[in-house]
């Protein structure tokens, strides 16, 4: 997305209480959904 700042990403991670450091294959359905939400909104479309 060529995002220069990660402030928006951090804000979304905090909002959804997501620690994204785990392997995706070990994440629960809900955690993966949170990753998807952050990815969708992080570039402020």
ModelCIF file with pLDDT and N, C-alpha, C, O atoms, coordinates in Angstrom:
data_MODEL
#
_entry.id   MODEL 
#
_entity.id                         1 
_entity.type                       polymer 
_entity.pdbx_number_of_molecules   1 
#
_entity_poly.entity_id                      1 
_entity_poly.type                           'polypeptide(L)' 
_entity_poly.nstd_linkage                   no 
_entity_poly.nstd_monomer                   no 
_entity_poly.pdbx_seq_one_letter_code       
;(UNK)(UNK)(UNK)(UNK)(UNK)(UNK)(UNK)(UNK)(UNK)(UNK)(UNK)(UNK)(UNK)(UNK)(UNK)(UNK)
(UNK)(UNK)(UNK)(UNK)(UNK)(UNK)(UNK)(UNK)(UNK)(UNK)(UNK)(UNK)(UNK)(UNK)(UNK)(UNK)
(UNK)(UNK)(UNK)(UNK)(UNK)(UNK)(UNK)(UNK)(UNK)(UNK)(UNK)(UNK)(UNK)
;
_entity_poly.pdbx_seq_one_letter_code_can   XXXXXXXXXXXXXXXXXXXXXXXXXXXXXXXXXXXXXXXXXXXXX 
_entity_poly.pdbx_strand_id                 A 
#
loop_
_entity_poly_seq.entity_id 
_entity_poly_seq.num 
_entity_poly_seq.mon_id 
_entity_poly_seq.hetero 
1 1  UNK n 
1 2  UNK n 
1 3  UNK n 
1 4  UNK n 
1 5  UNK n 
1 6  UNK n 
1 7  UNK n 
1 8  UNK n 
1 9  UNK n 
1 10 UNK n 
1 11 UNK n 
1 12 UNK n 
1 13 UNK n 
1 14 UNK n 
1 15 UNK n 
1 16 UNK n 
1 17 UNK n 
1 18 UNK n 
1 19 UNK n 
1 20 UNK n 
1 21 UNK n 
1 22 UNK n 
1 23 UNK n 
1 24 UNK n 
1 25 UNK n 
1 26 UNK n 
1 27 UNK n 
1 28 UNK n 
1 29 UNK n 
1 30 UNK n 
1 31 UNK n 
1 32 UNK n 
1 33 UNK n 
1 34 UNK n 
1 35 UNK n 
1 36 UNK n 
1 37 UNK n 
1 38 UNK n 
1 39 UNK n 
1 40 UNK n 
1 41 UNK n 
1 42 UNK n 
1 43 UNK n 
1 44 UNK n 
1 45 UNK n 
#
_struct_asym.id          A 
_struct_asym.entity_id   1 
#
loop_
_ma_qa_metric.id 
_ma_qa_metric.mode 
_ma_qa_metric.name 
_ma_qa_metric.software_group_id 
_ma_qa_metric.type 
1 global pLDDT . pLDDT 
2 local  pLDDT . pLDDT 
#
_ma_qa_metric_global.metric_id      1 
_ma_qa_metric_global.metric_value   92.04 
_ma_qa_metric_global.model_id       1 
_ma_qa_metric_global.ordinal_id     1 
#
loop_
_ma_qa_metric_local.label_asym_id 
_ma_qa_metric_local.label_comp_id 
_ma_qa_metric_local.label_seq_id 
_ma_qa_metric_local.metric_id 
_ma_qa_metric_local.metric_value 
_ma_qa_metric_local.model_id 
_ma_qa_metric_local.ordinal_id 
A UNK 1  2 83.00 1 1  
A UNK 2  2 81.00 1 2  
A UNK 3  2 82.00 1 3  
A UNK 4  2 77.00 1 4  
A UNK 5  2 73.00 1 5  
A UNK 6  2 76.00 1 6  
A UNK 7  2 87.00 1 7  
A UNK 8  2 91.00 1 8  
A UNK 9  2 92.00 1 9  
A UNK 10 2 93.00 1 10 
A UNK 11 2 95.00 1 11 
A UNK 12 2 96.00 1 12 
A UNK 13 2 96.00 1 13 
A UNK 14 2 96.00 1 14 
A UNK 15 2 96.00 1 15 
A UNK 16 2 97.00 1 16 
A UNK 17 2 96.00 1 17 
A UNK 18 2 95.00 1 18 
A UNK 19 2 94.00 1 19 
A UNK 20 2 94.00 1 20 
A UNK 21 2 94.00 1 21 
A UNK 22 2 93.00 1 22 
A UNK 23 2 94.00 1 23 
A UNK 24 2 92.00 1 24 
A UNK 25 2 91.00 1 25 
A UNK 26 2 91.00 1 26 
A UNK 27 2 92.00 1 27 
A UNK 28 2 93.00 1 28 
A UNK 29 2 93.00 1 29 
A UNK 30 2 94.00 1 30 
A UNK 31 2 95.00 1 31 
A UNK 32 2 94.00 1 32 
A UNK 33 2 96.00 1 33 
A UNK 34 2 96.00 1 34 
A UNK 35 2 96.00 1 35 
A UNK 36 2 95.00 1 36 
A UNK 37 2 97.00 1 37 
A UNK 38 2 96.00 1 38 
A UNK 39 2 94.00 1 39 
A UNK 40 2 96.00 1 40 
A UNK 41 2 96.00 1 41 
A UNK 42 2 94.00 1 42 
A UNK 43 2 93.00 1 43 
A UNK 44 2 93.00 1 44 
A UNK 45 2 94.00 1 45 
#
loop_
_atom_site.group_PDB 
_atom_site.id 
_atom_site.type_symbol 
_atom_site.label_atom_id 
_atom_site.label_alt_id 
_atom_site.label_comp_id 
_atom_site.label_asym_id 
_atom_site.label_entity_id 
_atom_site.label_seq_id 
_atom_site.pdbx_PDB_ins_code 
_atom_site.Cartn_x 
_atom_site.Cartn_y 
_atom_site.Cartn_z 
_atom_site.occupancy 
_atom_site.B_iso_or_equiv 
_atom_site.pdbx_formal_charge 
_atom_site.auth_seq_id 
_atom_site.auth_comp_id 
_atom_site.auth_asym_id 
_atom_site.auth_atom_id 
_atom_site.pdbx_PDB_model_num 
ATOM 1   N N  . UNK A 1 1  ? 0.812   -1.219  0.000  1.00 83.00 ? 1  UNK A N  1 
ATOM 2   C CA . UNK A 1 1  ? 0.000   0.000   0.000  1.00 83.00 ? 1  UNK A CA 1 
ATOM 3   C C  . UNK A 1 1  ? 0.847   1.272   0.000  1.00 83.00 ? 1  UNK A C  1 
ATOM 4   O O  . UNK A 1 1  ? 0.329   2.375   -0.175 1.00 83.00 ? 1  UNK A O  1 
ATOM 5   N N  . UNK A 1 2  ? 2.161   1.102   0.200  1.00 81.00 ? 2  UNK A N  1 
ATOM 6   C CA . UNK A 1 2  ? 3.090   2.236   0.269  1.00 81.00 ? 2  UNK A CA 1 
ATOM 7   C C  . UNK A 1 2  ? 2.715   3.176   1.411  1.00 81.00 ? 2  UNK A C  1 
ATOM 8   O O  . UNK A 1 2  ? 2.686   4.397   1.259  1.00 81.00 ? 2  UNK A O  1 
ATOM 9   N N  . UNK A 1 3  ? 2.425   2.557   2.571  1.00 82.00 ? 3  UNK A N  1 
ATOM 10  C CA . UNK A 1 3  ? 2.075   3.326   3.755  1.00 82.00 ? 3  UNK A CA 1 
ATOM 11  C C  . UNK A 1 3  ? 3.359   3.804   4.431  1.00 82.00 ? 3  UNK A C  1 
ATOM 12  O O  . UNK A 1 3  ? 4.238   2.999   4.739  1.00 82.00 ? 3  UNK A O  1 
ATOM 13  N N  . UNK A 1 4  ? 3.463   5.099   4.659  1.00 77.00 ? 4  UNK A N  1 
ATOM 14  C CA . UNK A 1 4  ? 4.676   5.664   5.241  1.00 77.00 ? 4  UNK A CA 1 
ATOM 15  C C  . UNK A 1 4  ? 4.674   5.582   6.767  1.00 77.00 ? 4  UNK A C  1 
ATOM 16  O O  . UNK A 1 4  ? 5.718   5.362   7.381  1.00 77.00 ? 4  UNK A O  1 
ATOM 17  N N  . UNK A 1 5  ? 3.494   5.759   7.379  1.00 73.00 ? 5  UNK A N  1 
ATOM 18  C CA . UNK A 1 5  ? 3.389   5.748   8.841  1.00 73.00 ? 5  UNK A CA 1 
ATOM 19  C C  . UNK A 1 5  ? 2.565   4.556   9.291  1.00 73.00 ? 5  UNK A C  1 
ATOM 20  O O  . UNK A 1 5  ? 1.641   4.128   8.600  1.00 73.00 ? 5  UNK A O  1 
ATOM 21  N N  . UNK A 1 6  ? 2.913   4.015   10.475 1.00 76.00 ? 6  UNK A N  1 
ATOM 22  C CA . UNK A 1 6  ? 2.150   2.872   10.987 1.00 76.00 ? 6  UNK A CA 1 
ATOM 23  C C  . UNK A 1 6  ? 1.234   3.271   12.147 1.00 76.00 ? 6  UNK A C  1 
ATOM 24  O O  . UNK A 1 6  ? 0.776   2.407   12.896 1.00 76.00 ? 6  UNK A O  1 
ATOM 25  N N  . UNK A 1 7  ? 0.964   4.566   12.302 1.00 87.00 ? 7  UNK A N  1 
ATOM 26  C CA . UNK A 1 7  ? 0.104   5.023   13.398 1.00 87.00 ? 7  UNK A CA 1 
ATOM 27  C C  . UNK A 1 7  ? -1.294  4.434   13.304 1.00 87.00 ? 7  UNK A C  1 
ATOM 28  O O  . UNK A 1 7  ? -1.873  4.004   14.302 1.00 87.00 ? 7  UNK A O  1 
ATOM 29  N N  . UNK A 1 8  ? -1.822  4.422   12.091 1.00 91.00 ? 8  UNK A N  1 
ATOM 30  C CA . UNK A 1 8  ? -3.172  3.880   11.884 1.00 91.00 ? 8  UNK A CA 1 
ATOM 31  C C  . UNK A 1 8  ? -3.187  2.385   12.207 1.00 91.00 ? 8  UNK A C  1 
ATOM 32  O O  . UNK A 1 8  ? -4.121  1.895   12.843 1.00 91.00 ? 8  UNK A O  1 
ATOM 33  N N  . UNK A 1 9  ? -2.168  1.671   11.776 1.00 92.00 ? 9  UNK A N  1 
ATOM 34  C CA . UNK A 1 9  ? -2.085  0.236   12.054 1.00 92.00 ? 9  UNK A CA 1 
ATOM 35  C C  . UNK A 1 9  ? -2.037  -0.015  13.555 1.00 92.00 ? 9  UNK A C  1 
ATOM 36  O O  . UNK A 1 9  ? -2.747  -0.885  14.060 1.00 92.00 ? 9  UNK A O  1 
ATOM 37  N N  . UNK A 1 10 ? -1.219  0.728   14.265 1.00 93.00 ? 10 UNK A N  1 
ATOM 38  C CA . UNK A 1 10 ? -1.110  0.564   15.711 1.00 93.00 ? 10 UNK A CA 1 
ATOM 39  C C  . UNK A 1 10 ? -2.434  0.872   16.400 1.00 93.00 ? 10 UNK A C  1 
ATOM 40  O O  . UNK A 1 10 ? -2.842  0.170   17.325 1.00 93.00 ? 10 UNK A O  1 
ATOM 41  N N  . UNK A 1 11 ? -3.095  1.921   15.942 1.00 95.00 ? 11 UNK A N  1 
ATOM 42  C CA . UNK A 1 11 ? -4.396  2.282   16.507 1.00 95.00 ? 11 UNK A CA 1 
ATOM 43  C C  . UNK A 1 11 ? -5.396  1.136   16.360 1.00 95.00 ? 11 UNK A C  1 
ATOM 44  O O  . UNK A 1 11 ? -6.136  0.835   17.298 1.00 95.00 ? 11 UNK A O  1 
ATOM 45  N N  . UNK A 1 12 ? -5.424  0.492   15.186 1.00 96.00 ? 12 UNK A N  1 
ATOM 46  C CA . UNK A 1 12 ? -6.358  -0.609  14.937 1.00 96.00 ? 12 UNK A CA 1 
ATOM 47  C C  . UNK A 1 12 ? -5.986  -1.850  15.753 1.00 96.00 ? 12 UNK A C  1 
ATOM 48  O O  . UNK A 1 12 ? -6.864  -2.540  16.271 1.00 96.00 ? 12 UNK A O  1 
ATOM 49  N N  . UNK A 1 13 ? -4.691  -2.131  15.863 1.00 96.00 ? 13 UNK A N  1 
ATOM 50  C CA . UNK A 1 13 ? -4.244  -3.271  16.669 1.00 96.00 ? 13 UNK A CA 1 
ATOM 51  C C  . UNK A 1 13 ? -4.666  -3.086  18.128 1.00 96.00 ? 13 UNK A C  1 
ATOM 52  O O  . UNK A 1 13 ? -5.109  -4.029  18.783 1.00 96.00 ? 13 UNK A O  1 
ATOM 53  N N  . UNK A 1 14 ? -4.524  -1.860  18.622 1.00 96.00 ? 14 UNK A N  1 
ATOM 54  C CA . UNK A 1 14 ? -4.918  -1.573  20.005 1.00 96.00 ? 14 UNK A CA 1 
ATOM 55  C C  . UNK A 1 14 ? -6.428  -1.669  20.179 1.00 96.00 ? 14 UNK A C  1 
ATOM 56  O O  . UNK A 1 14 ? -6.914  -2.210  21.173 1.00 96.00 ? 14 UNK A O  1 
ATOM 57  N N  . UNK A 1 15 ? -7.159  -1.145  19.215 1.00 96.00 ? 15 UNK A N  1 
ATOM 58  C CA . UNK A 1 15 ? -8.617  -1.155  19.299 1.00 96.00 ? 15 UNK A CA 1 
ATOM 59  C C  . UNK A 1 15 ? -9.159  -2.573  19.412 1.00 96.00 ? 15 UNK A C  1 
ATOM 60  O O  . UNK A 1 15 ? -10.076 -2.842  20.187 1.00 96.00 ? 15 UNK A O  1 
ATOM 61  N N  . UNK A 1 16 ? -8.573  -3.484  18.620 1.00 97.00 ? 16 UNK A N  1 
ATOM 62  C CA . UNK A 1 16 ? -9.072  -4.859  18.599 1.00 97.00 ? 16 UNK A CA 1 
ATOM 63  C C  . UNK A 1 16 ? -8.236  -5.804  19.472 1.00 97.00 ? 16 UNK A C  1 
ATOM 64  O O  . UNK A 1 16 ? -8.373  -7.025  19.389 1.00 97.00 ? 16 UNK A O  1 
ATOM 65  N N  . UNK A 1 17 ? -7.376  -5.224  20.302 1.00 96.00 ? 17 UNK A N  1 
ATOM 66  C CA . UNK A 1 17 ? -6.597  -5.988  21.270 1.00 96.00 ? 17 UNK A CA 1 
ATOM 67  C C  . UNK A 1 17 ? -5.897  -7.181  20.606 1.00 96.00 ? 17 UNK A C  1 
ATOM 68  O O  . UNK A 1 17 ? -5.985  -8.317  21.071 1.00 96.00 ? 17 UNK A O  1 
ATOM 69  N N  . UNK A 1 18 ? -5.212  -6.887  19.525 1.00 95.00 ? 18 UNK A N  1 
ATOM 70  C CA . UNK A 1 18 ? -4.577  -7.942  18.734 1.00 95.00 ? 18 UNK A CA 1 
ATOM 71  C C  . UNK A 1 18 ? -3.058  -7.900  18.868 1.00 95.00 ? 18 UNK A C  1 
ATOM 72  O O  . UNK A 1 18 ? -2.421  -6.897  18.545 1.00 95.00 ? 18 UNK A O  1 
ATOM 73  N N  . UNK A 1 19 ? -2.498  -8.987  19.340 1.00 94.00 ? 19 UNK A N  1 
ATOM 74  C CA . UNK A 1 19 ? -1.047  -9.207  19.295 1.00 94.00 ? 19 UNK A CA 1 
ATOM 75  C C  . UNK A 1 19 ? -0.785  -10.020 18.037 1.00 94.00 ? 19 UNK A C  1 
ATOM 76  O O  . UNK A 1 19 ? -1.053  -11.221 17.997 1.00 94.00 ? 19 UNK A O  1 
ATOM 77  N N  . UNK A 1 20 ? -0.260  -9.362  17.011 1.00 94.00 ? 20 UNK A N  1 
ATOM 78  C CA . UNK A 1 20 ? -0.129  -9.980  15.694 1.00 94.00 ? 20 UNK A CA 1 
ATOM 79  C C  . UNK A 1 20 ? 1.169   -10.728 15.498 1.00 94.00 ? 20 UNK A C  1 
ATOM 80  O O  . UNK A 1 20 ? 1.494   -11.107 14.373 1.00 94.00 ? 20 UNK A O  1 
ATOM 81  N N  . UNK A 1 21 ? 1.927   -10.953 16.574 1.00 94.00 ? 21 UNK A N  1 
ATOM 82  C CA . UNK A 1 21 ? 3.249   -11.585 16.420 1.00 94.00 ? 21 UNK A CA 1 
ATOM 83  C C  . UNK A 1 21 ? 3.178   -13.098 16.224 1.00 94.00 ? 21 UNK A C  1 
ATOM 84  O O  . UNK A 1 21 ? 4.177   -13.717 15.858 1.00 94.00 ? 21 UNK A O  1 
ATOM 85  N N  . UNK A 1 22 ? 2.023   -13.695 16.460 1.00 93.00 ? 22 UNK A N  1 
ATOM 86  C CA . UNK A 1 22 ? 1.891   -15.144 16.300 1.00 93.00 ? 22 UNK A CA 1 
ATOM 87  C C  . UNK A 1 22 ? 1.861   -15.535 14.821 1.00 93.00 ? 22 UNK A C  1 
ATOM 88  O O  . UNK A 1 22 ? 1.533   -14.728 13.951 1.00 93.00 ? 22 UNK A O  1 
ATOM 89  N N  . UNK A 1 23 ? 2.213   -16.795 14.565 1.00 94.00 ? 23 UNK A N  1 
ATOM 90  C CA . UNK A 1 23 ? 2.082   -17.337 13.209 1.00 94.00 ? 23 UNK A CA 1 
ATOM 91  C C  . UNK A 1 23 ? 0.597   -17.376 12.833 1.00 94.00 ? 23 UNK A C  1 
ATOM 92  O O  . UNK A 1 23 ? -0.253  -17.744 13.644 1.00 94.00 ? 23 UNK A O  1 
ATOM 93  N N  . UNK A 1 24 ? 0.307   -16.996 11.610 1.00 92.00 ? 24 UNK A N  1 
ATOM 94  C CA . UNK A 1 24 ? -1.082  -16.978 11.156 1.00 92.00 ? 24 UNK A CA 1 
ATOM 95  C C  . UNK A 1 24 ? -1.726  -18.360 11.236 1.00 92.00 ? 24 UNK A C  1 
ATOM 96  O O  . UNK A 1 24 ? -2.913  -18.477 11.540 1.00 92.00 ? 24 UNK A O  1 
ATOM 97  N N  . UNK A 1 25 ? -0.955  -19.395 10.966 1.00 91.00 ? 25 UNK A N  1 
ATOM 98  C CA . UNK A 1 25 ? -1.524  -20.740 10.970 1.00 91.00 ? 25 UNK A CA 1 
ATOM 99  C C  . UNK A 1 25 ? -1.904  -21.202 12.371 1.00 91.00 ? 25 UNK A C  1 
ATOM 100 O O  . UNK A 1 25 ? -2.659  -22.162 12.524 1.00 91.00 ? 25 UNK A O  1 
ATOM 101 N N  . UNK A 1 26 ? -1.388  -20.527 13.392 1.00 91.00 ? 26 UNK A N  1 
ATOM 102 C CA . UNK A 1 26 ? -1.713  -20.886 14.768 1.00 91.00 ? 26 UNK A CA 1 
ATOM 103 C C  . UNK A 1 26 ? -2.800  -19.994 15.362 1.00 91.00 ? 26 UNK A C  1 
ATOM 104 O O  . UNK A 1 26 ? -3.231  -20.198 16.497 1.00 91.00 ? 26 UNK A O  1 
ATOM 105 N N  . UNK A 1 27 ? -3.233  -19.014 14.590 1.00 92.00 ? 27 UNK A N  1 
ATOM 106 C CA . UNK A 1 27 ? -4.241  -18.079 15.091 1.00 92.00 ? 27 UNK A CA 1 
ATOM 107 C C  . UNK A 1 27 ? -5.634  -18.688 15.026 1.00 92.00 ? 27 UNK A C  1 
ATOM 108 O O  . UNK A 1 27 ? -5.928  -19.513 14.161 1.00 92.00 ? 27 UNK A O  1 
ATOM 109 N N  . UNK A 1 28 ? -6.486  -18.267 15.954 1.00 93.00 ? 28 UNK A N  1 
ATOM 110 C CA . UNK A 1 28 ? -7.894  -18.658 15.933 1.00 93.00 ? 28 UNK A CA 1 
ATOM 111 C C  . UNK A 1 28 ? -8.611  -17.921 14.809 1.00 93.00 ? 28 UNK A C  1 
ATOM 112 O O  . UNK A 1 28 ? -8.068  -16.987 14.218 1.00 93.00 ? 28 UNK A O  1 
ATOM 113 N N  . UNK A 1 29 ? -9.833  -18.351 14.521 1.00 93.00 ? 29 UNK A N  1 
ATOM 114 C CA . UNK A 1 29 ? -10.652 -17.683 13.507 1.00 93.00 ? 29 UNK A CA 1 
ATOM 115 C C  . UNK A 1 29 ? -10.820 -16.204 13.839 1.00 93.00 ? 29 UNK A C  1 
ATOM 116 O O  . UNK A 1 29 ? -10.709 -15.348 12.961 1.00 93.00 ? 29 UNK A O  1 
ATOM 117 N N  . UNK A 1 30 ? -11.089 -15.908 15.115 1.00 94.00 ? 30 UNK A N  1 
ATOM 118 C CA . UNK A 1 30 ? -11.288 -14.522 15.514 1.00 94.00 ? 30 UNK A CA 1 
ATOM 119 C C  . UNK A 1 30 ? -10.039 -13.676 15.344 1.00 94.00 ? 30 UNK A C  1 
ATOM 120 O O  . UNK A 1 30 ? -10.119 -12.523 14.919 1.00 94.00 ? 30 UNK A O  1 
ATOM 121 N N  . UNK A 1 31 ? -8.882  -14.245 15.676 1.00 95.00 ? 31 UNK A N  1 
ATOM 122 C CA . UNK A 1 31 ? -7.632  -13.494 15.517 1.00 95.00 ? 31 UNK A CA 1 
ATOM 123 C C  . UNK A 1 31 ? -7.339  -13.219 14.046 1.00 95.00 ? 31 UNK A C  1 
ATOM 124 O O  . UNK A 1 31 ? -6.922  -12.120 13.682 1.00 95.00 ? 31 UNK A O  1 
ATOM 125 N N  . UNK A 1 32 ? -7.562  -14.229 13.203 1.00 94.00 ? 32 UNK A N  1 
ATOM 126 C CA . UNK A 1 32 ? -7.351  -14.014 11.771 1.00 94.00 ? 32 UNK A CA 1 
ATOM 127 C C  . UNK A 1 32 ? -8.295  -12.936 11.235 1.00 94.00 ? 32 UNK A C  1 
ATOM 128 O O  . UNK A 1 32 ? -7.916  -12.132 10.383 1.00 94.00 ? 32 UNK A O  1 
ATOM 129 N N  . UNK A 1 33 ? -9.530  -12.934 11.748 1.00 96.00 ? 33 UNK A N  1 
ATOM 130 C CA . UNK A 1 33 ? -10.491 -11.918 11.318 1.00 96.00 ? 33 UNK A CA 1 
ATOM 131 C C  . UNK A 1 33 ? -10.005 -10.526 11.698 1.00 96.00 ? 33 UNK A C  1 
ATOM 132 O O  . UNK A 1 33 ? -10.150 -9.577  10.927 1.00 96.00 ? 33 UNK A O  1 
ATOM 133 N N  . UNK A 1 34 ? -9.432  -10.410 12.879 1.00 96.00 ? 34 UNK A N  1 
ATOM 134 C CA . UNK A 1 34 ? -8.891  -9.118  13.316 1.00 96.00 ? 34 UNK A CA 1 
ATOM 135 C C  . UNK A 1 34 ? -7.748  -8.666  12.394 1.00 96.00 ? 34 UNK A C  1 
ATOM 136 O O  . UNK A 1 34 ? -7.659  -7.491  12.040 1.00 96.00 ? 34 UNK A O  1 
ATOM 137 N N  . UNK A 1 35 ? -6.884  -9.599  12.013 1.00 96.00 ? 35 UNK A N  1 
ATOM 138 C CA . UNK A 1 35 ? -5.801  -9.260  11.085 1.00 96.00 ? 35 UNK A CA 1 
ATOM 139 C C  . UNK A 1 35 ? -6.387  -8.737  9.777  1.00 96.00 ? 35 UNK A C  1 
ATOM 140 O O  . UNK A 1 35 ? -5.899  -7.758  9.212  1.00 96.00 ? 35 UNK A O  1 
ATOM 141 N N  . UNK A 1 36 ? -7.444  -9.407  9.304  1.00 95.00 ? 36 UNK A N  1 
ATOM 142 C CA . UNK A 1 36 ? -8.100  -8.976  8.067  1.00 95.00 ? 36 UNK A CA 1 
ATOM 143 C C  . UNK A 1 36 ? -8.703  -7.589  8.190  1.00 95.00 ? 36 UNK A C  1 
ATOM 144 O O  . UNK A 1 36 ? -8.632  -6.791  7.254  1.00 95.00 ? 36 UNK A O  1 
ATOM 145 N N  . UNK A 1 37 ? -9.293  -7.299  9.335  1.00 97.00 ? 37 UNK A N  1 
ATOM 146 C CA . UNK A 1 37 ? -9.882  -5.974  9.566  1.00 97.00 ? 37 UNK A CA 1 
ATOM 147 C C  . UNK A 1 37 ? -8.797  -4.900  9.548  1.00 97.00 ? 37 UNK A C  1 
ATOM 148 O O  . UNK A 1 37 ? -8.952  -3.861  8.905  1.00 97.00 ? 37 UNK A O  1 
ATOM 149 N N  . UNK A 1 38 ? -7.694  -5.159  10.260 1.00 96.00 ? 38 UNK A N  1 
ATOM 150 C CA . UNK A 1 38 ? -6.595  -4.191  10.289 1.00 96.00 ? 38 UNK A CA 1 
ATOM 151 C C  . UNK A 1 38 ? -6.054  -3.958  8.882  1.00 96.00 ? 38 UNK A C  1 
ATOM 152 O O  . UNK A 1 38 ? -5.806  -2.818  8.489  1.00 96.00 ? 38 UNK A O  1 
ATOM 153 N N  . UNK A 1 39 ? -5.873  -5.035  8.128  1.00 94.00 ? 39 UNK A N  1 
ATOM 154 C CA . UNK A 1 39 ? -5.350  -4.918  6.758  1.00 94.00 ? 39 UNK A CA 1 
ATOM 155 C C  . UNK A 1 39 ? -6.279  -4.103  5.865  1.00 94.00 ? 39 UNK A C  1 
ATOM 156 O O  . UNK A 1 39 ? -5.815  -3.371  4.991  1.00 94.00 ? 39 UNK A O  1 
ATOM 157 N N  . UNK A 1 40 ? -7.591  -4.224  6.080  1.00 96.00 ? 40 UNK A N  1 
ATOM 158 C CA . UNK A 1 40 ? -8.571  -3.524  5.246  1.00 96.00 ? 40 UNK A CA 1 
ATOM 159 C C  . UNK A 1 40 ? -8.625  -2.029  5.543  1.00 96.00 ? 40 UNK A C  1 
ATOM 160 O O  . UNK A 1 40 ? -8.851  -1.220  4.644  1.00 96.00 ? 40 UNK A O  1 
ATOM 161 N N  . UNK A 1 41 ? -8.415  -1.663  6.821  1.00 96.00 ? 41 UNK A N  1 
ATOM 162 C CA . UNK A 1 41 ? -8.592  -0.266  7.229  1.00 96.00 ? 41 UNK A CA 1 
ATOM 163 C C  . UNK A 1 41 ? -7.275  0.497   7.404  1.00 96.00 ? 41 UNK A C  1 
ATOM 164 O O  . UNK A 1 41 ? -7.302  1.718   7.553  1.00 96.00 ? 41 UNK A O  1 
ATOM 165 N N  . UNK A 1 42 ? -6.123  -0.186  7.390  1.00 94.00 ? 42 UNK A N  1 
ATOM 166 C CA . UNK A 1 42 ? -4.853  0.418   7.792  1.00 94.00 ? 42 UNK A CA 1 
ATOM 167 C C  . UNK A 1 42 ? -4.395  1.541   6.868  1.00 94.00 ? 42 UNK A C  1 
ATOM 168 O O  . UNK A 1 42 ? -3.675  2.434   7.314  1.00 94.00 ? 42 UNK A O  1 
ATOM 169 N N  . UNK A 1 43 ? -4.790  1.526   5.593  1.00 93.00 ? 43 UNK A N  1 
ATOM 170 C CA . UNK A 1 43 ? -4.359  2.568   4.659  1.00 93.00 ? 43 UNK A CA 1 
ATOM 171 C C  . UNK A 1 43 ? -5.394  3.676   4.501  1.00 93.00 ? 43 UNK A C  1 
ATOM 172 O O  . UNK A 1 43 ? -5.298  4.510   3.601  1.00 93.00 ? 43 UNK A O  1 
ATOM 173 N N  . UNK A 1 44 ? -6.402  3.671   5.404  1.00 93.00 ? 44 UNK A N  1 
ATOM 174 C CA . UNK A 1 44 ? -7.423  4.713   5.446  1.00 93.00 ? 44 UNK A CA 1 
ATOM 175 C C  . UNK A 1 44 ? -8.111  4.901   4.096  1.00 93.00 ? 44 UNK A C  1 
ATOM 176 O O  . UNK A 1 44 ? -8.158  6.017   3.578  1.00 93.00 ? 44 UNK A O  1 
ATOM 177 N N  . UNK A 1 45 ? -8.652  3.810   3.514  1.00 94.00 ? 45 UNK A N  1 
ATOM 178 C CA . UNK A 1 45 ? -9.263  3.909   2.186  1.00 94.00 ? 45 UNK A CA 1 
ATOM 179 C C  . UNK A 1 45 ? -10.580 4.671   2.218  1.00 94.00 ? 45 UNK A C  1 
ATOM 180 O O  . UNK A 1 45 ? -11.220 4.842   1.180  1.00 94.00 ? 45 UNK A O  1 
#
